[in-house]
Amino acid sequence: MTAYRHKDWNQLVGAFVEIRLNRVTLRKGYVEHAMPNSSALWLAADKEHGRAIFESAEGHEVWVEPQEMEGTFTYRMTTSALYPALRRSDP
């Protein structure tokens, strides 16, 4: 699947993402927490890395592949979530 840059980091808690800086992948992992204003997120610790914070002000980008998630996040990674400009306005 194709990965897409996602700007609403606060919607990605529990998702598997890729963190990039200047088009270089720094790390992949699960989002443990994100600031409500999408200014920062924390990737959960894994067997190779500790918990880490990434900030949008430092130029970090979050890339995701559309995926089905469990629980209340099922179907969150839809086209309308990835591309807010494509959302239809309510009449």
PDB file of N, CA and C in Angstrom:
ATOM      1  N   MET A   1       0.827  -1.188   0.000  1.00  0.00           N
ATOM      2  CA  MET A   1       0.000   0.000   0.000  1.00  0.00           C
ATOM      3  C   MET A   1       0.868   1.247   0.000  1.00  0.00           C
ATOM      4  N   THR A   2       0.273   2.327  -0.389  1.00  0.00           N
ATOM      5  CA  THR A   2       0.964   3.599  -0.438  1.00  0.00           C
ATOM      6  C   THR A   2       0.804   4.340   0.881  1.00  0.00           C
ATOM      7  N   ALA A   3       1.893   4.871   1.403  1.00  0.00           N
ATOM      8  CA  ALA A   3       1.850   5.662   2.634  1.00  0.00           C
ATOM      9  C   ALA A   3       1.498   7.110   2.295  1.00  0.00           C
ATOM     10  N   TYR A   4       0.809   7.758   3.218  1.00  0.00           N
ATOM     11  CA  TYR A   4       0.391   9.136   3.059  1.00  0.00           C
ATOM     12  C   TYR A   4       0.826   9.959   4.264  1.00  0.00           C
ATOM     13  N   ARG A   5       1.198  11.211   4.020  1.00  0.00           N
ATOM     14  CA  ARG A   5       1.522  12.117   5.121  1.00  0.00           C
ATOM     15  C   ARG A   5       0.216  12.477   5.833  1.00  0.00           C
ATOM     16  N   HIS A   6       0.243  12.413   7.145  1.00  0.00           N
ATOM     17  CA  HIS A   6      -0.956  12.681   7.942  1.00  0.00           C
ATOM     18  C   HIS A   6      -0.661  13.812   8.904  1.00  0.00           C
ATOM     19  N   LYS A   7      -1.447  14.881   8.836  1.00  0.00           N
ATOM     20  CA  LYS A   7      -1.177  16.067   9.643  1.00  0.00           C
ATOM     21  C   LYS A   7      -1.922  16.090  10.969  1.00  0.00           C
ATOM     22  N   ASP A   8      -3.007  15.359  11.095  1.00  0.00           N
ATOM     23  CA  ASP A   8      -3.789  15.328  12.337  1.00  0.00           C
ATOM     24  C   ASP A   8      -3.280  14.205  13.229  1.00  0.00           C
ATOM     25  N   TRP A   9      -2.138  14.449  13.853  1.00  0.00           N
ATOM     26  CA  TRP A   9      -1.478  13.424  14.650  1.00  0.00           C
ATOM     27  C   TRP A   9      -2.355  12.935  15.789  1.00  0.00           C
ATOM     28  N   ASN A  10      -3.215  13.793  16.310  1.00  0.00           N
ATOM     29  CA  ASN A  10      -4.051  13.405  17.440  1.00  0.00           C
ATOM     30  C   ASN A  10      -5.042  12.300  17.078  1.00  0.00           C
ATOM     31  N   GLN A  11      -5.226  12.013  15.814  1.00  0.00           N
ATOM     32  CA  GLN A  11      -6.117  10.933  15.371  1.00  0.00           C
ATOM     33  C   GLN A  11      -5.399   9.593  15.255  1.00  0.00           C
ATOM     34  N   LEU A  12      -4.112   9.565  15.511  1.00  0.00           N
ATOM     35  CA  LEU A  12      -3.317   8.377  15.219  1.00  0.00           C
ATOM     36  C   LEU A  12      -2.947   7.525  16.430  1.00  0.00           C
ATOM     37  N   VAL A  13      -3.489   7.818  17.594  1.00  0.00           N
ATOM     38  CA  VAL A  13      -3.163   7.017  18.780  1.00  0.00           C
ATOM     39  C   VAL A  13      -3.539   5.567  18.509  1.00  0.00           C
ATOM     40  N   GLY A  14      -2.570   4.680  18.680  1.00  0.00           N
ATOM     41  CA  GLY A  14      -2.777   3.255  18.432  1.00  0.00           C
ATOM     42  C   GLY A  14      -2.400   2.800  17.036  1.00  0.00           C
ATOM     43  N   ALA A  15      -2.127   3.736  16.147  1.00  0.00           N
ATOM     44  CA  ALA A  15      -1.789   3.392  14.761  1.00  0.00           C
ATOM     45  C   ALA A  15      -0.291   3.146  14.608  1.00  0.00           C
ATOM     46  N   PHE A  16       0.062   2.311  13.639  1.00  0.00           N
ATOM     47  CA  PHE A  16       1.453   2.079  13.275  1.00  0.00           C
ATOM     48  C   PHE A  16       1.835   3.131  12.252  1.00  0.00           C
ATOM     49  N   VAL A  17       2.879   3.911  12.525  1.00  0.00           N
ATOM     50  CA  VAL A  17       3.257   5.035  11.670  1.00  0.00           C
ATOM     51  C   VAL A  17       4.748   5.014  11.365  1.00  0.00           C
ATOM     52  N   GLU A  18       5.118   5.882  10.445  1.00  0.00           N
ATOM     53  CA  GLU A  18       6.514   6.089  10.090  1.00  0.00           C
ATOM     54  C   GLU A  18       6.831   7.567  10.335  1.00  0.00           C
ATOM     55  N   ILE A  19       7.890   7.852  11.071  1.00  0.00           N
ATOM     56  CA  ILE A  19       8.318   9.221  11.334  1.00  0.00           C
ATOM     57  C   ILE A  19       9.431   9.566  10.353  1.00  0.00           C
ATOM     58  N   ARG A  20       9.262  10.682   9.647  1.00  0.00           N
ATOM     59  CA  ARG A  20      10.264  11.115   8.675  1.00  0.00           C
ATOM     60  C   ARG A  20      10.724  12.534   8.991  1.00  0.00           C
ATOM     61  N   LEU A  21      11.960  12.800   8.630  1.00  0.00           N
ATOM     62  CA  LEU A  21      12.536  14.143   8.726  1.00  0.00           C
ATOM     63  C   LEU A  21      13.368  14.354   7.479  1.00  0.00           C
ATOM     64  N   ASN A  22      13.056  15.391   6.731  1.00  0.00           N
ATOM     65  CA  ASN A  22      13.753  15.677   5.466  1.00  0.00           C
ATOM     66  C   ASN A  22      13.753  14.469   4.534  1.00  0.00           C
ATOM     67  N   ARG A  23      12.598  13.831   4.419  1.00  0.00           N
ATOM     68  CA  ARG A  23      12.378  12.672   3.543  1.00  0.00           C
ATOM     69  C   ARG A  23      13.115  11.406   3.974  1.00  0.00           C
ATOM     70  N   VAL A  24      13.721  11.423   5.147  1.00  0.00           N
ATOM     71  CA  VAL A  24      14.433  10.248   5.661  1.00  0.00           C
ATOM     72  C   VAL A  24      13.620   9.630   6.793  1.00  0.00           C
ATOM     73  N   THR A  25      13.424   8.318   6.735  1.00  0.00           N
ATOM     74  CA  THR A  25      12.695   7.630   7.797  1.00  0.00           C
ATOM     75  C   THR A  25      13.579   7.518   9.031  1.00  0.00           C
ATOM     76  N   LEU A  26      13.086   8.063  10.139  1.00  0.00           N
ATOM     77  CA  LEU A  26      13.824   7.994  11.400  1.00  0.00           C
ATOM     78  C   LEU A  26      13.427   6.774  12.218  1.00  0.00           C
ATOM     79  N   ARG A  27      12.133   6.478  12.194  1.00  0.00           N
ATOM     80  CA  ARG A  27      11.641   5.390  13.033  1.00  0.00           C
ATOM     81  C   ARG A  27      10.235   5.013  12.630  1.00  0.00           C
ATOM     82  N   LYS A  28       9.881   3.760  12.886  1.00  0.00           N
ATOM     83  CA  LYS A  28       8.521   3.264  12.706  1.00  0.00           C
ATOM     84  C   LYS A  28       8.061   2.729  14.048  1.00  0.00           C
ATOM     85  N   GLY A  29       6.770   2.861  14.316  1.00  0.00           N
ATOM     86  CA  GLY A  29       6.254   2.333  15.559  1.00  0.00           C
ATOM     87  C   GLY A  29       4.811   2.725  15.796  1.00  0.00           C
ATOM     88  N   TYR A  30       4.312   2.340  16.983  1.00  0.00           N
ATOM     89  CA  TYR A  30       2.934   2.611  17.361  1.00  0.00           C
ATOM     90  C   TYR A  30       2.842   3.917  18.138  1.00  0.00           C
ATOM     91  N   VAL A  31       1.862   4.726  17.788  1.00  0.00           N
ATOM     92  CA  VAL A  31       1.645   5.989  18.487  1.00  0.00           C
ATOM     93  C   VAL A  31       1.004   5.685  19.839  1.00  0.00           C
ATOM     94  N   GLU A  32       1.711   6.075  20.890  1.00  0.00           N
ATOM     95  CA  GLU A  32       1.219   5.846  22.249  1.00  0.00           C
ATOM     96  C   GLU A  32       0.360   7.014  22.724  1.00  0.00           C
ATOM     97  N   HIS A  33       0.749   8.221  22.345  1.00  0.00           N
ATOM     98  CA  HIS A  33       0.027   9.417  22.776  1.00  0.00           C
ATOM     99  C   HIS A  33       0.317  10.536  21.784  1.00  0.00           C
ATOM    100  N   ALA A  34      -0.608  11.483  21.680  1.00  0.00           N
ATOM    101  CA  ALA A  34      -0.404  12.648  20.812  1.00  0.00           C
ATOM    102  C   ALA A  34      -1.053  13.860  21.459  1.00  0.00           C
ATOM    103  N   MET A  35      -0.456  15.004  21.245  1.00  0.00           N
ATOM    104  CA  MET A  35      -1.026  16.245  21.758  1.00  0.00           C
ATOM    105  C   MET A  35      -2.327  16.550  21.009  1.00  0.00           C
ATOM    106  N   PRO A  36      -3.312  17.115  21.691  1.00  0.00           N
ATOM    107  CA  PRO A  36      -4.589  17.436  21.035  1.00  0.00           C
ATOM    108  C   PRO A  36      -4.440  18.362  19.828  1.00  0.00           C
ATOM    109  N   ASN A  37      -3.435  19.233  19.848  1.00  0.00           N
ATOM    110  CA  ASN A  37      -3.226  20.160  18.726  1.00  0.00           C
ATOM    111  C   ASN A  37      -2.258  19.600  17.676  1.00  0.00           C
ATOM    112  N   SER A  38      -1.903  18.333  17.793  1.00  0.00           N
ATOM    113  CA  SER A  38      -1.028  17.645  16.836  1.00  0.00           C
ATOM    114  C   SER A  38       0.374  18.233  16.753  1.00  0.00           C
ATOM    115  N   SER A  39       0.839  18.860  17.828  1.00  0.00           N
ATOM    116  CA  SER A  39       2.181  19.448  17.834  1.00  0.00           C
ATOM    117  C   SER A  39       3.266  18.437  18.174  1.00  0.00           C
ATOM    118  N   ALA A  40       2.877  17.325  18.788  1.00  0.00           N
ATOM    119  CA  ALA A  40       3.853  16.297  19.166  1.00  0.00           C
ATOM    120  C   ALA A  40       3.147  14.965  19.330  1.00  0.00           C
ATOM    121  N   LEU A  41       3.923  13.899  19.174  1.00  0.00           N
ATOM    122  CA  LEU A  41       3.411  12.562  19.477  1.00  0.00           C
ATOM    123  C   LEU A  41       4.531  11.723  20.058  1.00  0.00           C
ATOM    124  N   TRP A  42       4.129  10.672  20.761  1.00  0.00           N
ATOM    125  CA  TRP A  42       5.077   9.746  21.372  1.00  0.00           C
ATOM    126  C   TRP A  42       4.900   8.386  20.727  1.00  0.00           C
ATOM    127  N   LEU A  43       6.012   7.808  20.301  1.00  0.00           N
ATOM    128  CA  LEU A  43       5.982   6.427  19.843  1.00  0.00           C
ATOM    129  C   LEU A  43       6.273   5.542  21.038  1.00  0.00           C
ATOM    130  N   ALA A  44       5.572   4.447  21.123  1.00  0.00           N
ATOM    131  CA  ALA A  44       5.757   3.499  22.220  1.00  0.00           C
ATOM    132  C   ALA A  44       7.117   2.830  22.114  1.00  0.00           C
ATOM    133  N   ALA A  45       7.636   2.424  23.251  1.00  0.00           N
ATOM    134  CA  ALA A  45       8.895   1.678  23.272  1.00  0.00           C
ATOM    135  C   ALA A  45       8.688   0.326  22.594  1.00  0.00           C
ATOM    136  N   ASP A  46       9.733  -0.162  21.969  1.00  0.00           N
ATOM    137  CA  ASP A  46       9.716  -1.504  21.400  1.00  0.00           C
ATOM    138  C   ASP A  46      11.022  -2.192  21.781  1.00  0.00           C
ATOM    139  N   LYS A  47      11.296  -3.349  21.220  1.00  0.00           N
ATOM    140  CA  LYS A  47      12.498  -4.079  21.642  1.00  0.00           C
ATOM    141  C   LYS A  47      13.801  -3.420  21.201  1.00  0.00           C
ATOM    142  N   GLU A  48      13.746  -2.482  20.261  1.00  0.00           N
ATOM    143  CA  GLU A  48      14.959  -1.812  19.788  1.00  0.00           C
ATOM    144  C   GLU A  48      15.112  -0.378  20.273  1.00  0.00           C
ATOM    145  N   HIS A  49      13.998   0.281  20.621  1.00  0.00           N
ATOM    146  CA  HIS A  49      14.026   1.704  20.975  1.00  0.00           C
ATOM    147  C   HIS A  49      13.183   1.961  22.212  1.00  0.00           C
ATOM    148  N   GLY A  50      13.530   3.010  22.924  1.00  0.00           N
ATOM    149  CA  GLY A  50      12.710   3.467  24.038  1.00  0.00           C
ATOM    150  C   GLY A  50      11.586   4.353  23.535  1.00  0.00           C
ATOM    151  N   ARG A  51      10.720   4.742  24.448  1.00  0.00           N
ATOM    152  CA  ARG A  51       9.646   5.678  24.118  1.00  0.00           C
ATOM    153  C   ARG A  51      10.288   6.975  23.621  1.00  0.00           C
ATOM    154  N   ALA A  52       9.708   7.567  22.574  1.00  0.00           N
ATOM    155  CA  ALA A  52      10.316   8.762  21.993  1.00  0.00           C
ATOM    156  C   ALA A  52       9.248   9.768  21.594  1.00  0.00           C
ATOM    157  N   ILE A  53       9.605  11.037  21.723  1.00  0.00           N
ATOM    158  CA  ILE A  53       8.720  12.124  21.322  1.00  0.00           C
ATOM    159  C   ILE A  53       9.225  12.722  20.009  1.00  0.00           C
ATOM    160  N   PHE A  54       8.273  13.095  19.149  1.00  0.00           N
ATOM    161  CA  PHE A  54       8.580  13.749  17.882  1.00  0.00           C
ATOM    162  C   PHE A  54       7.687  14.975  17.776  1.00  0.00           C
ATOM    163  N   GLU A  55       8.275  16.108  17.386  1.00  0.00           N
ATOM    164  CA  GLU A  55       7.539  17.366  17.346  1.00  0.00           C
ATOM    165  C   GLU A  55       7.430  17.906  15.927  1.00  0.00           C
ATOM    166  N   SER A  56       6.253  18.400  15.596  1.00  0.00           N
ATOM    167  CA  SER A  56       6.049  18.957  14.253  1.00  0.00           C
ATOM    168  C   SER A  56       6.882  20.227  14.045  1.00  0.00           C
ATOM    169  N   ALA A  57       7.105  21.011  15.099  1.00  0.00           N
ATOM    170  CA  ALA A  57       7.893  22.247  14.980  1.00  0.00           C
ATOM    171  C   ALA A  57       9.341  21.972  14.586  1.00  0.00           C
ATOM    172  N   GLU A  58       9.814  20.751  14.824  1.00  0.00           N
ATOM    173  CA  GLU A  58      11.179  20.380  14.450  1.00  0.00           C
ATOM    174  C   GLU A  58      11.239  19.816  13.033  1.00  0.00           C
ATOM    175  N   GLY A  59      10.094  19.799  12.352  1.00  0.00           N
ATOM    176  CA  GLY A  59      10.058  19.337  10.969  1.00  0.00           C
ATOM    177  C   GLY A  59       9.693  17.875  10.784  1.00  0.00           C
ATOM    178  N   HIS A  60       9.361  17.177  11.860  1.00  0.00           N
ATOM    179  CA  HIS A  60       8.988  15.770  11.735  1.00  0.00           C
ATOM    180  C   HIS A  60       7.659  15.639  10.991  1.00  0.00           C
ATOM    181  N   GLU A  61       7.563  14.606  10.202  1.00  0.00           N
ATOM    182  CA  GLU A  61       6.339  14.276   9.486  1.00  0.00           C
ATOM    183  C   GLU A  61       5.923  12.869   9.875  1.00  0.00           C
ATOM    184  N   VAL A  62       4.614  12.639   9.869  1.00  0.00           N
ATOM    185  CA  VAL A  62       4.083  11.314  10.184  1.00  0.00           C
ATOM    186  C   VAL A  62       3.423  10.772   8.925  1.00  0.00           C
ATOM    187  N   TRP A  63       3.858   9.579   8.541  1.00  0.00           N
ATOM    188  CA  TRP A  63       3.320   8.916   7.361  1.00  0.00           C
ATOM    189  C   TRP A  63       2.633   7.630   7.807  1.00  0.00           C
ATOM    190  N   VAL A  64       1.494   7.352   7.191  1.00  0.00           N
ATOM    191  CA  VAL A  64       0.714   6.161   7.541  1.00  0.00           C
ATOM    192  C   VAL A  64       0.270   5.449   6.272  1.00  0.00           C
ATOM    193  N   GLU A  65       0.016   4.167   6.426  1.00  0.00           N
ATOM    194  CA  GLU A  65      -0.636   3.399   5.379  1.00  0.00           C
ATOM    195  C   GLU A  65      -2.058   3.160   5.850  1.00  0.00           C
ATOM    196  N   PRO A  66      -3.044   3.296   4.973  1.00  0.00           N
ATOM    197  CA  PRO A  66      -4.425   3.015   5.393  1.00  0.00           C
ATOM    198  C   PRO A  66      -4.490   1.619   5.995  1.00  0.00           C
ATOM    199  N   GLN A  67      -5.199   1.527   7.130  1.00  0.00           N
ATOM    200  CA  GLN A  67      -5.259   0.260   7.839  1.00  0.00           C
ATOM    201  C   GLN A  67      -6.533   0.181   8.657  1.00  0.00           C
ATOM    202  N   GLU A  68      -7.027  -1.009   8.828  1.00  0.00           N
ATOM    203  CA  GLU A  68      -8.179  -1.198   9.693  1.00  0.00           C
ATOM    204  C   GLU A  68      -7.668  -1.318  11.121  1.00  0.00           C
ATOM    205  N   MET A  69      -8.294  -0.587  12.015  1.00  0.00           N
ATOM    206  CA  MET A  69      -7.891  -0.621  13.412  1.00  0.00           C
ATOM    207  C   MET A  69      -8.998  -1.263  14.237  1.00  0.00           C
ATOM    208  N   GLU A  70      -8.664  -1.674  15.435  1.00  0.00           N
ATOM    209  CA  GLU A  70      -9.633  -2.343  16.295  1.00  0.00           C
ATOM    210  C   GLU A  70     -10.365  -1.356  17.182  1.00  0.00           C
ATOM    211  N   GLY A  71     -11.488  -1.811  17.724  1.00  0.00           N
ATOM    212  CA  GLY A  71     -12.227  -1.023  18.703  1.00  0.00           C
ATOM    213  C   GLY A  71     -12.824   0.235  18.118  1.00  0.00           C
ATOM    214  N   THR A  72     -12.797   1.312  18.905  1.00  0.00           N
ATOM    215  CA  THR A  72     -13.420   2.560  18.485  1.00  0.00           C
ATOM    216  C   THR A  72     -12.692   3.206  17.319  1.00  0.00           C
ATOM    217  N   PHE A  73     -11.492   2.741  16.996  1.00  0.00           N
ATOM    218  CA  PHE A  73     -10.730   3.330  15.897  1.00  0.00           C
ATOM    219  C   PHE A  73     -10.978   2.618  14.572  1.00  0.00           C
ATOM    220  N   THR A  74     -11.824   1.602  14.553  1.00  0.00           N
ATOM    221  CA  THR A  74     -12.117   0.897  13.314  1.00  0.00           C
ATOM    222  C   THR A  74     -12.635   1.894  12.288  1.00  0.00           C
ATOM    223  N   TYR A  75     -12.103   1.829  11.109  1.00  0.00           N
ATOM    224  CA  TYR A  75     -12.482   2.648   9.965  1.00  0.00           C
ATOM    225  C   TYR A  75     -12.039   4.104  10.075  1.00  0.00           C
ATOM    226  N   ARG A  76     -11.232   4.457  11.051  1.00  0.00           N
ATOM    227  CA  ARG A  76     -10.781   5.839  11.169  1.00  0.00           C
ATOM    228  C   ARG A  76      -9.873   6.217   9.997  1.00  0.00           C
ATOM    229  N   MET A  77      -9.061   5.295   9.533  1.00  0.00           N
ATOM    230  CA  MET A  77      -8.107   5.603   8.471  1.00  0.00           C
ATOM    231  C   MET A  77      -8.773   5.505   7.097  1.00  0.00           C
ATOM    232  N   THR A  78      -9.824   6.278   6.918  1.00  0.00           N
ATOM    233  CA  THR A  78     -10.521   6.328   5.644  1.00  0.00           C
ATOM    234  C   THR A  78      -9.958   7.475   4.814  1.00  0.00           C
ATOM    235  N   THR A  79     -10.374   7.556   3.586  1.00  0.00           N
ATOM    236  CA  THR A  79      -9.909   8.635   2.717  1.00  0.00           C
ATOM    237  C   THR A  79     -10.240   9.989   3.320  1.00  0.00           C
ATOM    238  N   SER A  80     -11.424  10.132   3.902  1.00  0.00           N
ATOM    239  CA  SER A  80     -11.795  11.432   4.471  1.00  0.00           C
ATOM    240  C   SER A  80     -10.935  11.787   5.678  1.00  0.00           C
ATOM    241  N   ALA A  81     -10.441  10.800   6.399  1.00  0.00           N
ATOM    242  CA  ALA A  81      -9.550  11.078   7.532  1.00  0.00           C
ATOM    243  C   ALA A  81      -8.157  11.445   7.037  1.00  0.00           C
ATOM    244  N   LEU A  82      -7.716  10.804   5.976  1.00  0.00           N
ATOM    245  CA  LEU A  82      -6.386  11.090   5.440  1.00  0.00           C
ATOM    246  C   LEU A  82      -6.354  12.400   4.665  1.00  0.00           C
ATOM    247  N   TYR A  83      -7.461  12.722   4.026  1.00  0.00           N
ATOM    248  CA  TYR A  83      -7.527  13.914   3.179  1.00  0.00           C
ATOM    249  C   TYR A  83      -8.699  14.789   3.611  1.00  0.00           C
ATOM    250  N   PRO A  84      -8.535  15.603   4.644  1.00  0.00           N
ATOM    251  CA  PRO A  84      -9.641  16.431   5.138  1.00  0.00           C
ATOM    252  C   PRO A  84     -10.249  17.338   4.064  1.00  0.00           C
ATOM    253  N   ALA A  85      -9.477  17.741   3.083  1.00  0.00           N
ATOM    254  CA  ALA A  85     -10.001  18.621   2.029  1.00  0.00           C
ATOM    255  C   ALA A  85     -11.057  17.916   1.190  1.00  0.00           C
ATOM    256  N   LEU A  86     -11.076  16.597   1.205  1.00  0.00           N
ATOM    257  CA  LEU A  86     -12.066  15.848   0.419  1.00  0.00           C
ATOM    258  C   LEU A  86     -13.371  15.653   1.175  1.00  0.00           C
ATOM    259  N   ARG A  87     -13.411  16.028   2.443  1.00  0.00           N
ATOM    260  CA  ARG A  87     -14.643  15.855   3.219  1.00  0.00           C
ATOM    261  C   ARG A  87     -15.734  16.732   2.623  1.00  0.00           C
ATOM    262  N   ARG A  88     -16.924  16.153   2.575  1.00  0.00           N
ATOM    263  CA  ARG A  88     -18.055  16.913   2.063  1.00  0.00           C
ATOM    264  C   ARG A  88     -18.596  17.810   3.167  1.00  0.00           C
ATOM    265  N   SER A  89     -19.043  19.006   2.779  1.00  0.00           N
ATOM    266  CA  SER A  89     -19.655  19.884   3.785  1.00  0.00           C
ATOM    267  C   SER A  89     -21.108  19.460   3.981  1.00  0.00           C
ATOM    268  N   ASP A  90     -21.543  19.604   5.201  1.00  0.00           N
ATOM    269  CA  ASP A  90     -22.944  19.286   5.501  1.00  0.00           C
ATOM    270  C   ASP A  90     -23.838  20.373   4.908  1.00  0.00           C
ATOM    271  N   PRO A  91     -24.962  19.953   4.309  1.00  0.00           N
ATOM    272  CA  PRO A  91     -25.875  20.945   3.689  1.00  0.00           C
ATOM    273  C   PRO A  91     -26.531  21.813   4.719  1.00  0.00           C
TER     274      PRO A  91
END
